[in-house]
Protein backbone atom coordinates (compact mmCIF):
# COMPACT_ATOMS: atom_id res chain seq x y z
CA MET A 1 0.00 0.00 0.00
CA SER A 2 1.42 3.41 -1.03
CA GLN A 3 2.05 6.20 1.43
CA HIS A 4 -0.38 8.41 -0.55
CA HIS A 5 -3.12 5.78 -0.23
CA SER A 6 -2.55 5.47 3.54
CA GLU A 7 -2.78 9.24 4.01
CA LYS A 8 -5.97 9.33 1.97
CA GLU A 9 -7.56 6.63 4.18
CA LEU A 10 -6.44 8.43 7.32
CA LEU A 11 -7.97 11.74 6.14
CA ALA A 12 -11.23 9.95 5.29
CA HIS A 13 -11.25 8.37 8.73
CA ILE A 14 -10.69 11.76 10.36
CA LYS A 15 -13.54 13.18 8.29
CA ASP A 16 -15.84 10.37 9.50
CA LEU A 17 -14.88 11.07 13.11
CA GLU A 18 -15.55 14.80 12.66
CA ASN A 19 -19.00 14.03 11.25
CA GLU A 20 -19.73 11.69 14.17
CA ILE A 21 -18.70 14.38 16.67
CA LYS A 22 -20.97 16.89 14.92
CA LYS A 23 -23.90 14.44 15.15
CA LEU A 24 -23.27 13.93 18.85
CA LYS A 25 -23.14 17.68 19.47
CA ASP A 26 -26.36 18.26 17.51
CA ARG A 27 -28.21 15.41 19.21
CA LYS A 28 -30.94 16.45 21.60
CA LYS A 29 -29.80 15.60 25.12
CA PHE A 30 -31.89 14.43 28.04
CA GLY A 31 -30.18 13.85 31.34
CA LEU A 32 -28.04 15.57 33.90
CA VAL A 33 -25.01 17.54 32.79
CA TRP A 34 -23.20 19.77 35.26
CA GLU A 35 -19.87 21.40 35.88
CA ASN A 36 -18.17 18.67 37.91
CA LYS A 37 -16.46 20.36 40.85
CA PRO A 38 -13.54 18.53 42.49
CA GLU A 39 -14.09 17.80 46.14
CA GLU A 40 -11.06 17.95 48.42
CA VAL A 41 -12.20 15.13 50.67
CA VAL A 42 -12.45 12.83 47.63
CA LEU A 43 -9.11 13.82 46.10
CA ALA A 44 -7.35 13.42 49.46
CA CYS A 45 -8.34 9.75 49.57
CA GLU A 46 -5.77 9.02 46.86
CA LYS A 47 -3.04 9.80 49.42
CA GLN A 48 -4.83 8.99 52.67
CA VAL A 49 -7.10 6.02 53.37
CA PRO A 50 -9.94 6.29 55.89
CA ILE A 51 -10.14 4.04 58.93
CA ILE A 52 -12.23 4.26 62.11
CA LYS A 53 -11.33 4.27 65.80
CA GLU A 54 -13.68 3.45 68.64
CA VAL A 55 -14.42 6.03 71.33
CA LYS A 56 -14.80 3.47 74.11
CA ASN A 57 -16.12 5.78 76.81
CA ARG A 58 -19.19 6.45 74.64
CA LYS A 59 -20.28 2.84 74.32
CA LEU A 60 -23.89 2.43 75.49
CA VAL A 61 -25.33 -0.85 76.73
CA SER A 62 -28.80 -1.14 78.23
CA ASP A 63 -29.74 -4.77 77.65
CA ASN A 64 -28.28 -8.22 77.07
CA LEU A 65 -28.46 -8.04 73.30
CA PRO A 66 -25.16 -8.15 71.35
CA LEU A 67 -23.69 -4.79 70.40
CA ASN A 68 -24.93 -3.96 66.92
CA ASN A 69 -25.77 -0.24 66.50
CA VAL A 70 -23.07 2.12 65.26
CA LEU A 71 -22.54 5.89 65.18
CA ILE A 72 -19.61 7.12 63.08
CA GLU A 73 -18.42 10.69 63.55
CA GLY A 74 -16.57 12.18 60.58
CA ASP A 75 -17.00 13.23 56.97
CA ASN A 76 -19.59 10.90 55.49
CA TYR A 77 -17.43 10.31 52.39
CA HIS A 78 -14.81 8.77 54.68
CA SER A 79 -17.50 6.78 56.53
CA LEU A 80 -18.95 5.45 53.28
CA SER A 81 -15.47 4.49 52.11
CA VAL A 82 -14.99 2.41 55.27
CA LEU A 83 -18.45 0.87 54.86
CA ASN A 84 -17.56 -0.15 51.31
CA TYR A 85 -15.13 -2.56 52.96
CA THR A 86 -17.26 -3.55 55.96
CA HIS A 87 -20.81 -3.60 54.56
CA ARG A 88 -20.80 -4.10 50.82
CA ASN A 89 -24.16 -5.67 49.82
CA LYS A 90 -25.20 -5.83 53.50
CA ILE A 91 -27.45 -2.76 53.97
CA ASP A 92 -31.19 -3.36 53.62
CA VAL A 93 -32.45 0.23 53.86
CA ILE A 94 -30.72 3.58 53.37
CA TYR A 95 -32.55 6.71 54.46
CA ILE A 96 -30.93 10.12 53.97
CA ASP A 97 -31.98 13.71 54.47
CA PRO A 98 -29.17 15.68 52.75
CA PRO A 99 -28.67 19.45 52.91
CA TYR A 100 -31.36 21.04 50.75
CA ASN A 101 -29.30 23.72 48.98
CA THR A 102 -32.04 26.34 49.22
CA GLY A 103 -29.62 29.24 49.20
CA SER A 104 -31.16 30.60 52.38
CA SER A 105 -29.12 28.35 54.67
CA ALA A 106 -25.46 27.73 53.95
CA TRP A 107 -23.88 24.28 53.68
CA VAL A 108 -20.21 23.34 53.53
CA TYR A 109 -18.21 22.31 50.47
CA ASN A 110 -14.41 22.08 50.59
CA ASN A 111 -14.51 23.71 54.04
CA ASN A 112 -16.35 26.77 52.70
CA TYR A 113 -19.95 27.74 53.29
CA ILE A 114 -22.03 27.70 50.12
CA ASP A 115 -24.87 30.21 49.78
CA GLU A 116 -27.14 31.61 47.06
CA ASN A 117 -24.37 33.89 45.75
CA ASP A 118 -22.19 30.96 44.70
CA SER A 119 -22.76 30.55 40.95
CA TYR A 120 -21.60 26.92 41.16
CA ARG A 121 -23.73 25.96 44.16
CA HIS A 122 -25.93 23.55 42.16
CA SER A 123 -22.92 21.88 40.53
CA LYS A 124 -21.18 21.57 43.87
CA TRP A 125 -24.30 20.07 45.44
CA VAL A 126 -24.70 17.53 42.63
CA SER A 127 -20.99 16.64 42.77
CA MET A 128 -21.21 16.15 46.53
CA MET A 129 -24.28 13.92 46.23
CA LYS A 130 -22.92 11.90 43.30
CA ASN A 131 -19.70 11.07 45.16
CA ARG A 132 -21.70 9.69 48.09
CA LEU A 133 -24.58 8.01 46.26
CA GLU A 134 -22.18 5.99 44.13
CA LEU A 135 -20.54 4.63 47.29
CA ALA A 136 -23.94 4.05 48.88
CA LYS A 137 -25.20 1.95 45.97
CA ASN A 138 -22.47 -0.62 46.62
CA LEU A 139 -23.77 -1.15 50.14
CA LEU A 140 -27.36 -2.14 49.32
CA THR A 141 -28.52 -5.72 49.25
CA ASP A 142 -30.06 -6.86 45.99
CA ASN A 143 -33.57 -6.26 47.38
CA GLY A 144 -32.61 -3.15 49.37
CA PHE A 145 -34.17 0.33 49.27
CA ILE A 146 -32.74 3.83 49.34
CA VAL A 147 -35.02 6.70 50.37
CA CYS A 148 -33.86 10.29 49.92
CA ALA A 149 -35.72 13.29 51.37
CA ILE A 150 -35.60 16.50 49.33
CA ASP A 151 -37.52 19.72 48.68
CA HIS A 152 -38.32 21.39 45.36
CA TYR A 153 -35.01 23.27 44.97
CA GLU A 154 -33.08 20.13 43.93
CA LEU A 155 -35.95 17.73 43.25
CA PHE A 156 -35.45 17.54 39.48
CA THR A 157 -31.67 17.45 39.78
CA LEU A 158 -31.71 14.72 42.40
CA GLY A 159 -34.23 12.66 40.43
CA LEU A 160 -32.04 12.65 37.33
CA LEU A 161 -28.97 11.85 39.45
CA MET A 162 -30.74 8.95 41.17
CA ASP A 163 -31.95 7.69 37.77
CA GLU A 164 -28.37 7.82 36.52
CA ILE A 165 -26.88 5.97 39.49
CA PHE A 166 -29.63 3.49 40.42
CA GLY A 167 -31.38 3.29 37.06
CA GLU A 168 -34.74 4.71 36.05
CA SER A 169 -36.07 1.15 36.00
CA ASN A 170 -35.37 0.90 39.74
CA ARG A 171 -37.32 4.03 40.64
CA ILE A 172 -40.09 2.93 43.02
CA GLY A 173 -41.86 6.26 43.34
CA ILE A 174 -41.86 9.82 44.60
CA VAL A 175 -43.85 10.49 47.76
CA SER A 176 -45.01 13.97 48.78
CA VAL A 177 -45.09 14.41 52.56
CA VAL A 178 -47.20 17.15 54.14
CA HIS A 179 -44.75 18.15 56.85
CA LYS A 180 -46.14 21.60 57.63
CA SER A 181 -49.83 21.63 56.81
CA GLU A 182 -50.23 25.35 57.50
CA GLY A 183 -47.54 26.20 54.92
CA ARG A 184 -44.68 28.66 55.16
CA ASN A 185 -46.12 32.15 55.29
CA GLN A 186 -42.98 33.93 54.10
CA GLU A 187 -43.38 32.71 50.53
CA LYS A 188 -44.38 35.28 47.87
CA PHE A 189 -46.55 32.83 45.96
CA PHE A 190 -47.27 29.37 47.39
CA GLY A 191 -46.99 28.61 51.07
CA THR A 192 -44.89 25.45 50.90
CA SER A 193 -46.45 22.70 53.00
CA HIS A 194 -44.79 19.55 51.73
CA GLU A 195 -41.52 18.00 50.64
CA TYR A 196 -40.59 14.77 48.90
CA MET A 197 -39.10 11.34 49.45
CA LEU A 198 -37.56 9.58 46.46
CA PHE A 199 -37.78 5.77 46.74
CA TYR A 200 -35.37 3.63 44.71
CA SER A 201 -34.29 0.01 44.95
CA LYS A 202 -31.10 -1.77 44.07
CA ASN A 203 -33.16 -4.20 42.01
CA LYS A 204 -36.85 -3.46 41.60
CA GLN A 205 -37.62 -7.03 40.52
CA SER A 206 -36.53 -8.52 43.84
CA ALA A 207 -37.57 -5.66 46.15
CA ASN A 208 -40.86 -5.76 48.08
CA PHE A 209 -42.61 -3.46 50.52
CA ALA A 210 -43.84 -4.92 53.80
CA LYS A 211 -47.58 -5.58 53.94
CA ILE A 212 -48.65 -3.02 56.51
CA VAL A 213 -51.04 -0.19 57.21
CA LEU A 214 -49.20 3.10 57.60
CA SER A 215 -51.69 5.75 58.44
CA GLU A 216 -54.45 6.39 60.92
CA ASP A 217 -56.41 7.61 57.89
CA ILE A 218 -57.35 4.19 56.54
CA GLN A 219 -57.16 3.91 52.78
CA ALA A 220 -59.10 0.67 52.37
CA THR A 221 -62.69 -0.55 52.43
CA PHE A 222 -63.57 -2.38 55.62
CA ASP A 223 -65.78 -5.42 56.03
CA ARG A 224 -67.58 -5.54 59.40
CA GLU A 225 -67.62 -9.35 59.34
CA ASP A 226 -63.86 -9.61 58.67
CA LYS A 227 -64.36 -12.36 56.09
CA ASP A 228 -60.94 -12.07 54.49
CA GLY A 229 -58.96 -12.28 57.75
CA LEU A 230 -56.74 -9.34 56.88
CA PHE A 231 -57.52 -7.23 59.95
CA ARG A 232 -55.55 -6.53 63.08
CA LEU A 233 -56.76 -4.44 66.03
CA ASN A 234 -55.14 -1.30 67.40
CA ASN A 235 -56.20 0.36 70.63
CA TYR A 236 -57.99 3.63 69.89
CA LEU A 237 -56.17 5.31 72.77
CA ARG A 238 -53.42 7.41 71.21
CA SER A 239 -50.05 5.70 71.71
CA GLY A 240 -46.79 7.29 72.81
CA GLY A 241 -45.82 9.32 75.85
CA GLY A 242 -45.44 12.78 74.31
CA ASP A 243 -47.22 15.92 75.49
CA HIS A 244 -49.31 15.94 72.30
CA ASN A 245 -51.18 12.90 73.64
CA LEU A 246 -52.42 14.66 76.80
CA ARG A 247 -55.98 15.95 77.25
CA LYS A 248 -54.85 19.43 78.30
CA ASN A 249 -53.04 19.93 75.00
CA LYS A 250 -55.71 18.43 72.72
CA PRO A 251 -59.02 18.76 74.60
CA HIS A 252 -61.15 18.15 71.47
CA PHE A 253 -59.62 14.65 71.27
CA PHE A 254 -60.95 13.84 74.78
CA TYR A 255 -64.59 12.67 74.82
CA PRO A 256 -66.63 9.75 76.19
CA ILE A 257 -67.42 6.66 74.14
CA TYR A 258 -70.40 4.57 75.29
CA VAL A 259 -70.46 0.76 74.89
CA SER A 260 -73.31 -1.68 75.58
CA SER A 261 -72.71 -4.50 78.05
CA ASP A 262 -72.76 -7.10 75.27
CA LEU A 263 -70.15 -4.98 73.35
CA LYS A 264 -72.31 -4.97 70.21
CA ASN A 265 -73.34 -1.32 70.25
CA ILE A 266 -71.03 1.69 70.40
CA THR A 267 -71.94 5.38 70.35
CA ILE A 268 -70.70 8.78 71.50
CA GLY A 269 -74.16 9.74 72.68
CA LYS A 270 -75.00 8.78 76.26
CA GLN A 271 -77.27 5.72 76.45
CA LYS A 272 -78.93 4.12 79.46
CA GLY A 273 -77.16 0.95 80.56
CA TYR A 274 -74.09 1.68 78.42
CA GLU A 275 -70.64 1.94 80.01
CA GLU A 276 -68.74 5.21 79.62
CA ILE A 277 -65.20 4.75 78.27
CA LEU A 278 -62.68 7.62 78.50
CA PRO A 279 -59.07 7.82 77.25
CA ILE A 280 -57.61 7.52 80.75
CA THR A 281 -54.70 5.18 81.47
CA SER A 282 -54.52 2.66 84.32
CA THR A 283 -52.42 5.20 86.24
CA GLY A 284 -55.12 7.86 85.89
CA GLN A 285 -53.39 9.94 83.20
CA GLU A 286 -55.87 11.80 81.01
CA ARG A 287 -54.80 11.11 77.41
CA THR A 288 -56.66 11.43 74.09
CA TRP A 289 -58.33 9.29 71.49
CA LYS A 290 -56.66 9.04 68.09
CA THR A 291 -59.21 11.27 66.38
CA THR A 292 -61.90 13.88 66.96
CA LYS A 293 -65.54 12.87 67.50
CA GLU A 294 -66.40 13.50 63.86
CA THR A 295 -63.69 11.17 62.52
CA PHE A 296 -64.53 8.57 65.16
CA LEU A 297 -68.14 8.53 63.96
CA GLU A 298 -67.04 8.11 60.34
CA ARG A 299 -64.94 5.11 61.29
CA LEU A 300 -67.65 3.70 63.51
CA ASN A 301 -70.20 3.93 60.68
CA SER A 302 -67.84 2.20 58.25
CA GLY A 303 -67.38 -0.75 60.61
CA GLN A 304 -63.84 0.04 61.68
CA ILE A 305 -64.52 0.35 65.44
CA ILE A 306 -65.15 -2.55 67.82
CA ALA A 307 -65.03 -3.04 71.61
CA GLU A 308 -63.59 -5.97 73.54
CA ARG A 309 -62.83 -6.77 77.15
CA ASP A 310 -59.16 -7.08 78.16
CA GLN A 311 -57.69 -9.61 80.61
CA ASN A 312 -58.85 -7.41 83.51
CA ASN A 313 -62.43 -7.44 82.15
CA LYS A 314 -62.12 -3.74 81.29
CA ILE A 315 -63.72 -2.56 78.03
CA GLN A 316 -61.22 -1.34 75.44
CA VAL A 317 -62.07 0.41 72.19
CA TYR A 318 -60.20 -0.83 69.12
CA GLU A 319 -59.87 0.15 65.50
CA LYS A 320 -59.66 -2.41 62.71
CA TYR A 321 -56.58 -2.07 60.56
CA ARG A 322 -56.02 -3.93 57.36
CA GLU A 323 -52.77 -5.87 57.27
CA SER A 324 -52.52 -5.05 53.57
CA GLN A 325 -52.96 -1.55 52.20
CA VAL A 326 -52.43 0.30 48.95
CA ILE A 327 -49.68 2.73 49.90
CA LYS A 328 -50.37 6.04 48.23
CA THR A 329 -47.83 8.68 47.22
CA HIS A 330 -49.39 11.54 49.19
CA TRP A 331 -48.70 11.22 52.92
CA ILE A 332 -50.89 13.58 54.91
CA ASP A 333 -51.08 12.15 58.42
CA PRO A 334 -50.75 14.92 61.07
CA LYS A 335 -48.07 12.86 62.83
CA TYR A 336 -45.68 13.72 59.96
CA HIS A 337 -45.70 17.39 61.02
CA ALA A 338 -42.03 18.35 61.34
CA ILE A 339 -42.52 20.88 64.14
CA HIS A 340 -44.85 18.92 66.40
CA TYR A 341 -43.26 15.50 65.93
CA GLY A 342 -39.73 16.47 64.90
CA THR A 343 -38.53 19.70 66.48
CA LYS A 344 -40.58 19.35 69.66
CA VAL A 345 -39.64 15.70 70.10
CA VAL A 346 -35.93 16.57 69.94
CA GLU A 347 -36.38 19.57 72.26
CA ASN A 348 -38.21 17.38 74.75
CA ILE A 349 -35.37 14.85 74.75
CA LEU A 350 -32.47 17.33 74.84
CA GLY A 351 -34.14 20.01 76.96
CA GLY A 352 -34.01 22.78 74.37
CA LYS A 353 -33.54 23.62 70.71
CA LYS A 354 -30.21 22.28 69.45
CA PHE A 355 -31.01 21.27 65.86
CA ASP A 356 -32.85 22.91 62.95
CA PHE A 357 -35.55 21.05 61.03
CA PRO A 358 -35.42 17.46 62.34
CA LYS A 359 -37.79 15.06 60.59
CA SER A 360 -40.92 13.73 62.27
CA LEU A 361 -40.06 10.60 64.25
CA TYR A 362 -43.27 9.00 62.98
CA LEU A 363 -42.40 9.70 59.35
CA LEU A 364 -39.22 7.69 59.81
CA ILE A 365 -41.01 4.92 61.71
CA ASP A 366 -43.56 4.54 58.90
CA THR A 367 -40.85 4.66 56.21
CA LEU A 368 -38.99 1.85 57.98
CA LYS A 369 -42.20 -0.12 58.55
CA LEU A 370 -42.65 -0.07 54.80
CA THR A 371 -39.09 -0.83 53.68
CA SER A 372 -37.53 -2.98 56.42
CA THR A 373 -37.99 -6.38 58.02
CA LYS A 374 -37.46 -7.15 61.71
CA ASN A 375 -33.82 -8.09 61.00
CA SER A 376 -32.84 -5.29 58.62
CA THR A 377 -29.70 -3.18 58.79
CA VAL A 378 -30.53 0.51 58.28
CA LEU A 379 -28.03 3.20 57.23
CA ASP A 380 -28.31 6.99 57.41
CA PHE A 381 -25.18 8.86 56.29
CA PHE A 382 -26.67 12.33 56.81
CA ALA A 383 -27.74 11.41 60.34
CA GLY A 384 -28.22 14.93 61.75
CA SER A 385 -30.29 14.76 64.92
CA GLY A 386 -30.40 10.94 64.89
CA THR A 387 -34.09 10.51 64.03
CA THR A 388 -33.37 7.39 61.97
CA GLY A 389 -31.64 5.66 64.88
CA HIS A 390 -34.43 6.69 67.26
CA ALA A 391 -37.02 5.31 64.81
CA VAL A 392 -35.21 1.96 64.60
CA LEU A 393 -35.17 1.65 68.40
CA GLU A 394 -38.83 2.67 68.66
CA LEU A 395 -39.91 0.26 65.94
CA ASN A 396 -37.98 -2.61 67.55
CA LYS A 397 -39.74 -1.84 70.82
CA GLN A 398 -43.13 -1.91 69.06
CA ASP A 399 -42.79 -5.16 67.13
CA GLY A 400 -39.98 -7.03 68.90
CA GLY A 401 -37.66 -6.58 65.92
CA LYS A 402 -33.87 -6.84 65.87
CA ARG A 403 -33.16 -4.12 63.35
CA LYS A 404 -29.79 -2.41 63.70
CA PHE A 405 -28.63 0.99 62.50
CA ILE A 406 -25.48 2.68 61.27
CA LEU A 407 -25.51 6.48 61.50
CA CYS A 408 -22.86 8.76 60.00
CA THR A 409 -22.53 12.47 60.72
CA ASN A 410 -19.85 15.11 60.98
CA ASN A 411 -19.29 17.02 64.21
CA GLU A 412 -19.87 20.51 62.82
CA ASN A 413 -21.09 22.68 65.72
CA ASN A 414 -20.68 19.59 67.94
CA ILE A 415 -23.71 17.95 66.34
CA ALA A 416 -22.38 14.36 66.63
CA GLU A 417 -21.51 14.66 70.30
CA GLU A 418 -24.21 16.98 71.61
CA VAL A 419 -27.21 16.12 69.43
CA THR A 420 -26.96 12.76 67.62
CA TYR A 421 -25.17 10.87 70.38
CA GLU A 422 -26.93 12.62 73.25
CA ARG A 423 -30.37 11.91 71.78
CA LEU A 424 -29.57 8.23 71.25
CA LYS A 425 -28.06 7.98 74.72
CA ARG A 426 -31.21 9.33 76.33
CA VAL A 427 -33.71 7.22 74.41
CA ILE A 428 -31.57 4.09 74.97
CA LYS A 429 -31.11 4.73 78.69
CA GLY A 430 -34.32 6.63 79.49
CA TYR A 431 -34.51 10.32 80.37
CA LYS A 432 -36.52 13.11 81.96
CA ASN A 433 -38.40 15.38 79.58
CA LYS A 434 -38.66 19.18 79.79
CA LYS A 435 -41.35 18.87 82.45
CA GLY A 436 -39.21 16.62 84.61
CA GLU A 437 -41.31 13.53 83.82
CA LYS A 438 -39.49 10.23 83.41
CA VAL A 439 -39.58 8.70 79.93
CA GLU A 440 -38.88 4.98 79.81
CA SER A 441 -35.85 3.49 78.09
CA LEU A 442 -36.29 2.04 74.60
CA GLY A 443 -33.40 -0.33 75.25
CA GLY A 444 -30.73 -1.11 72.69
CA ASN A 445 -27.06 -0.25 72.52
CA LEU A 446 -24.54 1.87 70.64
CA SER A 447 -20.86 1.81 69.69
CA TYR A 448 -19.28 5.18 68.84
CA TYR A 449 -16.48 5.58 66.28
CA LYS A 450 -14.52 8.42 64.72
CA THR A 451 -13.02 8.41 61.25
CA ASP A 452 -9.28 8.90 60.86
CA LEU A 453 -6.85 8.92 57.94
CA VAL A 454 -3.72 6.86 57.33
CA ASP A 455 -1.08 8.56 55.17
CA ILE A 456 -0.03 6.23 52.34
CA GLU A 457 1.62 8.68 49.86
CA LYS A 458 0.11 6.99 46.78
CA LEU A 459 -2.84 4.65 46.51
CA GLN A 460 -1.70 3.63 43.02
CA ARG A 461 1.54 2.16 44.39
CA ILE A 462 1.25 1.66 48.10
CA SER A 463 4.46 1.03 50.03
CA ASP A 464 5.16 -1.93 52.33
CA GLU A 465 5.42 0.48 55.24
CA SER A 466 1.96 1.85 54.49
CA LYS A 467 0.50 -1.67 54.30
CA ILE A 468 1.75 -2.39 57.81
CA LYS A 469 0.39 0.97 58.99
CA ILE A 470 -3.08 0.19 57.62
CA THR A 471 -3.08 -3.26 59.22
CA TYR A 472 -2.33 -1.91 62.68
CA GLN A 473 -5.25 0.51 62.46
CA ALA A 474 -7.83 -1.69 60.75
CA GLY A 475 -9.03 -3.60 63.83
CA GLU A 476 -12.27 -1.70 64.42
CA MET A 477 -13.09 -1.77 60.68
CA ILE A 478 -12.73 -5.54 60.65
CA ALA A 479 -14.74 -5.87 63.87
CA ILE A 480 -17.64 -3.98 62.27
CA ARG A 481 -17.30 -6.06 59.11
CA GLU A 482 -17.70 -9.24 61.14
CA ASN A 483 -20.31 -7.75 63.51
CA THR A 484 -18.15 -8.54 66.56
CA LEU A 485 -18.00 -5.16 68.27
CA ASN A 486 -16.79 -6.14 71.73
CA GLU A 487 -12.98 -6.00 72.06
CA SER A 488 -11.77 -8.76 74.41
CA ASP A 489 -7.96 -8.69 73.94
CA LYS A 490 -5.24 -6.51 72.42
CA ASN A 491 -1.44 -6.49 72.49
CA ASP A 492 1.41 -5.63 70.12
CA TRP A 493 0.81 -8.81 68.11
CA TRP A 494 -2.93 -9.26 67.86
CA GLN A 495 -6.39 -7.94 68.62
CA ILE A 496 -9.53 -10.01 69.37
CA PHE A 497 -13.20 -9.02 69.14
CA GLU A 498 -16.27 -11.13 69.82
CA ASN A 499 -20.01 -11.39 70.19
CA ASP A 500 -22.14 -14.18 71.66
CA ASN A 501 -21.73 -16.35 68.59
CA LYS A 502 -18.27 -15.76 67.10
CA LYS A 503 -14.81 -14.24 67.44
CA THR A 504 -12.70 -12.10 65.13
CA ALA A 505 -8.91 -11.93 65.51
CA ILE A 506 -6.34 -9.77 63.71
CA TYR A 507 -2.67 -10.69 63.64
CA PHE A 508 -0.71 -7.52 62.81
CA LYS A 509 2.91 -8.58 62.32
CA GLU A 510 4.92 -9.67 59.33
CA ASP A 511 6.88 -11.78 61.84
CA LYS A 512 4.77 -14.92 62.43
CA LEU A 513 6.58 -15.89 65.64
CA LYS A 514 3.47 -15.51 67.84
CA LEU A 515 0.88 -16.66 65.32
CA PRO A 516 0.80 -20.32 66.52
CA GLU A 517 0.24 -19.04 70.06
CA LEU A 518 -2.76 -16.96 68.89
CA VAL A 519 -4.20 -19.92 66.98
CA LYS A 520 -3.91 -22.09 70.11
CA ILE A 521 -5.80 -19.45 72.15
CA LEU A 522 -8.55 -19.27 69.53
CA GLU A 523 -8.92 -23.05 69.35
CA LYS A 524 -9.44 -23.36 73.11
CA GLU A 525 -12.95 -22.00 72.84
CA ASP A 526 -15.27 -23.92 70.54
CA LYS A 527 -16.52 -20.80 68.79
CA PRO A 528 -16.45 -19.94 65.07
CA THR A 529 -13.58 -17.49 64.48
CA VAL A 530 -12.40 -15.41 61.55
CA LEU A 531 -8.63 -14.85 61.74
CA TYR A 532 -7.17 -11.98 59.69
CA ILE A 533 -3.44 -12.45 59.08
CA PHE A 534 -1.09 -9.79 57.72
CA GLY A 535 0.47 -10.77 54.41
CA TRP A 536 2.08 -9.19 51.38
CA GLY A 537 -0.17 -11.00 48.93
CA LYS A 538 -3.30 -13.14 48.81
CA ASN A 539 -4.15 -16.47 50.44
CA GLU A 540 -0.67 -16.88 51.95
CA TYR A 541 -1.88 -18.55 55.14
CA LYS A 542 -5.33 -19.98 54.39
CA ASN A 543 -4.16 -23.56 53.98
CA GLU A 544 -1.72 -23.40 56.88
CA TYR A 545 -3.93 -22.00 59.63
CA SER A 546 -7.53 -22.71 58.64
CA THR A 547 -9.16 -25.29 60.93
CA LYS A 548 -12.65 -26.55 61.71
CA ASN A 549 -13.50 -23.41 63.72
CA ILE A 550 -11.04 -20.93 62.21
CA LYS A 551 -11.49 -19.26 58.83
CA VAL A 552 -8.44 -17.30 57.62
CA GLU A 553 -8.71 -13.99 55.73
CA ASP A 554 -6.06 -11.67 54.27
CA ILE A 555 -5.16 -8.20 55.42
CA PRO A 556 -4.54 -5.48 54.21
CA GLU A 557 -4.78 -6.28 50.47
CA PRO A 558 -8.63 -6.57 50.35
CA ILE A 559 -8.95 -3.16 52.04
CA ILE A 560 -6.56 -1.60 49.55
CA GLU A 561 -8.43 -3.18 46.63
CA VAL A 562 -11.69 -1.64 47.84
CA TYR A 563 -10.12 1.83 48.11
CA LYS A 564 -8.54 1.52 44.68
CA GLU A 565 -11.88 0.54 43.21
CA ILE A 566 -13.88 3.40 44.74
CA ASN A 567 -11.16 5.86 43.70
CA ARG A 568 -11.16 4.34 40.17
CA ILE A 569 -7.48 3.42 40.32
C-alpha cells in the first residue's frame, strides 16, 4: 500500500470522526449535565485512606443483646469508604436527608460555606451527592431500598442523578409528605407545605414493601364481618408518651365513648345501661383518642370500630386495621408534622432547641415499617439529629424486631456529640423530659467511632510500610465487618473481638513468631472465628492456619483493593 493511499484513508477516517462528533453535538440531550467540581475530601483519599477508631467511653449498653448499633463521627465520604469494605451488599435500607441547597441556609463544600451567591452551588451540590450516592449503591442488598428526602429546589436534579446511578427502571416512586400543613407564610406565591421522598431500589424485581397499614387515615374498604382475615386491632387510645397525647393539649380529642354490656353497640351519645369509656390510662393519666368525635363517627359507621374486654375485664375500644394496604404517594397524616413530631420531640429529649428542622419521628417509623424487616440493617449517612436511629429503636420496641442501625454524621457545631449521640443515649437509657417527667428506656445499645486517615503517599503504588500501617489501624473496621463489636484482647501482636456467637482476631505482624500461640488461644474456645493475618499477597496462610473453627482472611490487600476501586485506580 502506497504512502499516498494510507494518508488518503487516514484523512477519510478523520472526516468520518468529525461528522460523528458533529452528530453527537447536535443530538438532543436528556439527562443531567453539570460542571463537575472537584471535592477535596475525595481527592485526598488518593493519598490517605480512611479508617475508624472506637471512642470506648461512649459505648452504650442497656440490655443483654449483642452490640450492633453504630454511630460514626466524621466526613460521610470517609465513613462510606470504610463501609464499602465492611458492609458491601449488606445494607437493607438507606434513608438520607441531605442538605437542601435552598440558598437561604449555607452548607459546607471544601470547608467553605455555600450560599445563594455561589454561581456553582448547584454543581457543587450535585458533585457532593454523586460522590456519596455511588458509594452508597455498593452497600445495598439486591432487594434493598434507598429513600432520599428533598424539597423542590433540587428535586429535578436529584431525580435525574438517582436515575443515573440506580437506574430509572429501579425508581419505586416519589412520595409527597405534608410536613407543615399550615404552609410557610414567608413565601411570595405558594406557602410550601410539603416536601418529597424519592424511593429507589437496588433491584426493583426482587424488592418488596412490607404488607402493613401506615396511616391512621385508613385507605381501604372495611368489612364488618372480617371475612378475608386481613384485619388486626389497634387500641384507639393514642399511643406514645409525648405531650401531644395529653388531654390538656388536645381537649377536642378527649370525649366519652359509650359501649353496651354485650359490646355490640357503640356510640358517643350517652345511652342508658351503656358503660362510659374515656381515654384515661390505668395510672389515671388523662390522654386522648386518636381522632376527633367526627372522625370517630365516620370510622364507627364504616365498621372500623369494635369493643372488647381485656384480661382485667375492662372494656377497650379498638380500631380495625387492614394488614394489607395500597400505599399512596401523598402522605398527609398529622403525625408527619415536622414541628410537632420532629422539632418538639428533639427539644423534649435534649431540653431545648439544638437542631434545625429534624424530621418527624413517625415519618421515619412509617418509612422503615414499609421498607424494612425485623432483622434489617438501616443506614443513614446524613444522620443529623439521629431521628433514623431513634425510629429503629422505637420500631424494635413496638414489634420485637432486631433491626440495627449505622448512623454517619460530621461534628460541625458539635452535632455528633451533643445532638446525635446525646439523643440516642437518652432514648436508649431513658430520660426526663422538659417537664421533669421520666420517659422509659427504649433499650438497645450503641458503639461510637470516629473516622481517621492513614497517610499512604500513593494509593496507586502503596508502600510496604503503608500496608503495615493500615493493618495496625484496621481492627475496628474488621470488627464492624464481622459484627463482633466487643474488644476482648489486644497487644502488640494481635487484637480479638467477639459477640455471643463468634470471634474475630487480627494478627498484625509480618513476623509470624506468635501466630501459633494466637491460633492455640482461639482453638481453646469452641466458637467460630475469623482470623485476619497480615500478608504481602493473597491467600498466603489460608491452607496453613484454617481449621474446623477458624477461617483465615487476608489483610490489608482486600482493604486496599476496595479503596482503589472506589477511587477508580
